C-alpha atoms as a PDB file:
ATOM      1  CA  MET A   1       3.854 -12.544  11.962  1.00  0.00           C
ATOM      2  CA  SER A   2       2.668 -10.642   8.936  1.00  0.00           C
ATOM      3  CA  SER A   3       1.478 -11.786   5.573  1.00  0.00           C
ATOM      4  CA  ALA A   4       1.136  -9.954   2.291  1.00  0.00           C
ATOM      5  CA  ILE A   5      -0.987 -10.698  -0.734  1.00  0.00           C
ATOM      6  CA  MET A   6       0.139  -9.101  -3.981  1.00  0.00           C
ATOM      7  CA  GLU A   7      -2.610  -8.132  -6.411  1.00  0.00           C
ATOM      8  CA  SER A   8      -1.300  -7.218  -9.821  1.00  0.00           C
ATOM      9  CA  GLN A   9      -2.600  -5.740 -13.052  1.00  0.00           C
ATOM     10  CA  THR A  10      -0.453  -6.721 -16.005  1.00  0.00           C
ATOM     11  CA  SER A  11       3.149  -7.140 -14.861  1.00  0.00           C
ATOM     12  CA  ASN A  12       3.199  -4.233 -12.360  1.00  0.00           C
ATOM     13  CA  VAL A  13       2.118  -4.561  -8.761  1.00  0.00           C
ATOM     14  CA  ARG A  14      -0.759  -2.093  -8.212  1.00  0.00           C
ATOM     15  CA  SER A  15      -1.738  -2.988  -4.642  1.00  0.00           C
ATOM     16  CA  VAL A  16      -0.556  -4.938  -1.626  1.00  0.00           C
ATOM     17  CA  ARG A  17      -2.879  -6.365   1.044  1.00  0.00           C
ATOM     18  CA  LEU A  18      -1.252  -6.778   4.441  1.00  0.00           C
ATOM     19  CA  THR A  19      -2.299  -8.386   7.699  1.00  0.00           C
ATOM     20  CA  PHE A  20      -0.348  -8.159  10.927  1.00  0.00           C
ATOM     21  CA  SER A  21      -0.552 -10.111  14.162  1.00  0.00           C
ATOM     22  CA  THR A  22       1.168  -7.499  16.341  1.00  0.00           C
ATOM     23  CA  ALA A  23       1.372  -3.717  16.377  1.00  0.00           C
ATOM     24  CA  GLU A  24       5.175  -3.907  16.204  1.00  0.00           C
ATOM     25  CA  GLU A  25       4.984  -5.367  12.682  1.00  0.00           C
ATOM     26  CA  VAL A  26       2.767  -2.635  11.235  1.00  0.00           C
ATOM     27  CA  HIS A  27       5.342   0.155  10.784  1.00  0.00           C
ATOM     28  CA  HIS A  28       7.977  -1.980   9.058  1.00  0.00           C
ATOM     29  CA  GLY A  29       5.426  -3.824   6.933  1.00  0.00           C
ATOM     30  CA  LEU A  30       3.725  -0.666   5.690  1.00  0.00           C
ATOM     31  CA  ASP A  31       7.069   1.023   4.967  1.00  0.00           C
ATOM     32  CA  SER A  32       8.164  -1.958   2.894  1.00  0.00           C
ATOM     33  CA  ALA A  33       4.922  -2.011   0.905  1.00  0.00           C
ATOM     34  CA  VAL A  34       5.018   1.747   0.238  1.00  0.00           C
ATOM     35  CA  ASN A  35       8.649   1.525  -0.905  1.00  0.00           C
ATOM     36  CA  GLU A  36       7.731  -1.277  -3.305  1.00  0.00           C
ATOM     37  CA  LEU A  37       4.878   0.744  -4.796  1.00  0.00           C
ATOM     38  CA  ILE A  38       6.953   3.910  -5.143  1.00  0.00           C
ATOM     39  CA  GLU A  39       8.784   2.224  -8.024  1.00  0.00           C
ATOM     40  CA  ALA A  40       5.487   1.395  -9.741  1.00  0.00           C
ATOM     41  CA  ALA A  41       4.207   4.943  -9.157  1.00  0.00           C
ATOM     42  CA  VAL A  42       7.313   6.394 -10.794  1.00  0.00           C
ATOM     43  CA  GLU A  43       6.794   4.171 -13.837  1.00  0.00           C
ATOM     44  CA  ASP A  44       3.108   5.133 -14.008  1.00  0.00           C
ATOM     45  CA  GLY A  45       3.699   8.847 -13.386  1.00  0.00           C
ATOM     46  CA  ASN A  46      -0.015   9.597 -12.925  1.00  0.00           C
ATOM     47  CA  CYS A  47      -0.747   8.466  -9.396  1.00  0.00           C
ATOM     48  CA  GLY A  48       0.271   8.510  -5.793  1.00  0.00           C
ATOM     49  CA  ILE A  49      -0.118   5.924  -3.056  1.00  0.00           C
ATOM     50  CA  ARG A  50      -3.045   5.368  -0.697  1.00  0.00           C
ATOM     51  CA  VAL A  51      -2.685   3.388   2.546  1.00  0.00           C
ATOM     52  CA  THR A  52      -6.045   2.186   3.884  1.00  0.00           C
ATOM     53  CA  ARG A  53      -6.612   0.630   7.300  1.00  0.00           C
ATOM     54  CA  HIS A  54      -9.603  -1.719   7.042  1.00  0.00           C
ATOM     55  CA  GLU A  55      -9.569  -2.978  10.615  1.00  0.00           C
ATOM     56  CA  PRO A  56      -6.924  -3.497  13.285  1.00  0.00           C
ATOM     57  CA  GLY A  57      -4.029  -5.290  11.589  1.00  0.00           C
ATOM     58  CA  ALA A  58      -5.498  -5.245   8.054  1.00  0.00           C
ATOM     59  CA  TYR A  59      -4.268  -2.735   5.450  1.00  0.00           C
ATOM     60  CA  THR A  60      -4.142  -2.144   1.717  1.00  0.00           C
ATOM     61  CA  VAL A  61      -1.361  -0.113   0.091  1.00  0.00           C
ATOM     62  CA  ALA A  62      -2.284   0.800  -3.480  1.00  0.00           C
ATOM     63  CA  LEU A  63      -1.541   3.073  -6.400  1.00  0.00           C
ATOM     64  CA  ASP A  64      -4.387   5.576  -6.637  1.00  0.00           C
ATOM     65  CA  GLU A  65      -4.992   8.080  -9.442  1.00  0.00           C
ATOM     66  CA  SER A  66      -6.938  10.358  -7.052  1.00  0.00           C
ATOM     67  CA  VAL A  67      -3.719  10.850  -5.059  1.00  0.00           C
ATOM     68  CA  PRO A  68      -1.284  13.313  -6.670  1.00  0.00           C
ATOM     69  CA  PHE A  69       1.964  11.863  -7.967  1.00  0.00           C
ATOM     70  CA  GLY A  70       4.670  11.944  -5.304  1.00  0.00           C
ATOM     71  CA  GLU A  71       2.247  11.898  -2.371  1.00  0.00           C
ATOM     72  CA  THR A  72       0.974   9.222   0.013  1.00  0.00           C
ATOM     73  CA  TYR A  73      -2.436   9.501   1.667  1.00  0.00           C
ATOM     74  CA  GLU A  74      -3.697   7.498   4.615  1.00  0.00           C
ATOM     75  CA  ASP A  75      -7.330   6.478   5.179  1.00  0.00           C
ATOM     76  CA  ILE A  76      -9.332   4.509   7.670  1.00  0.00           C
ATOM     77  CA  ALA A  77     -12.146   2.533   6.036  1.00  0.00           C
ATOM     78  CA  ALA A  78     -15.501   3.074   7.715  1.00  0.00           C
END
């Protein structure tokens, strides 16, 4: 089972924290979060999306001004 925590700035969602119990949930959960943030990125127009894996099963999907508009980058936190 997965859970998501929405962190917002003003009325727009800027990042989504996700935790997953099984590997099977990761793909669908991350796709859903990225799709949600695409809308916010289009409204912003100045940023792309960064997906960061913090540890097995723990991710953040966020708008990031260092990522070019229209792109999604993936990172693994050290």
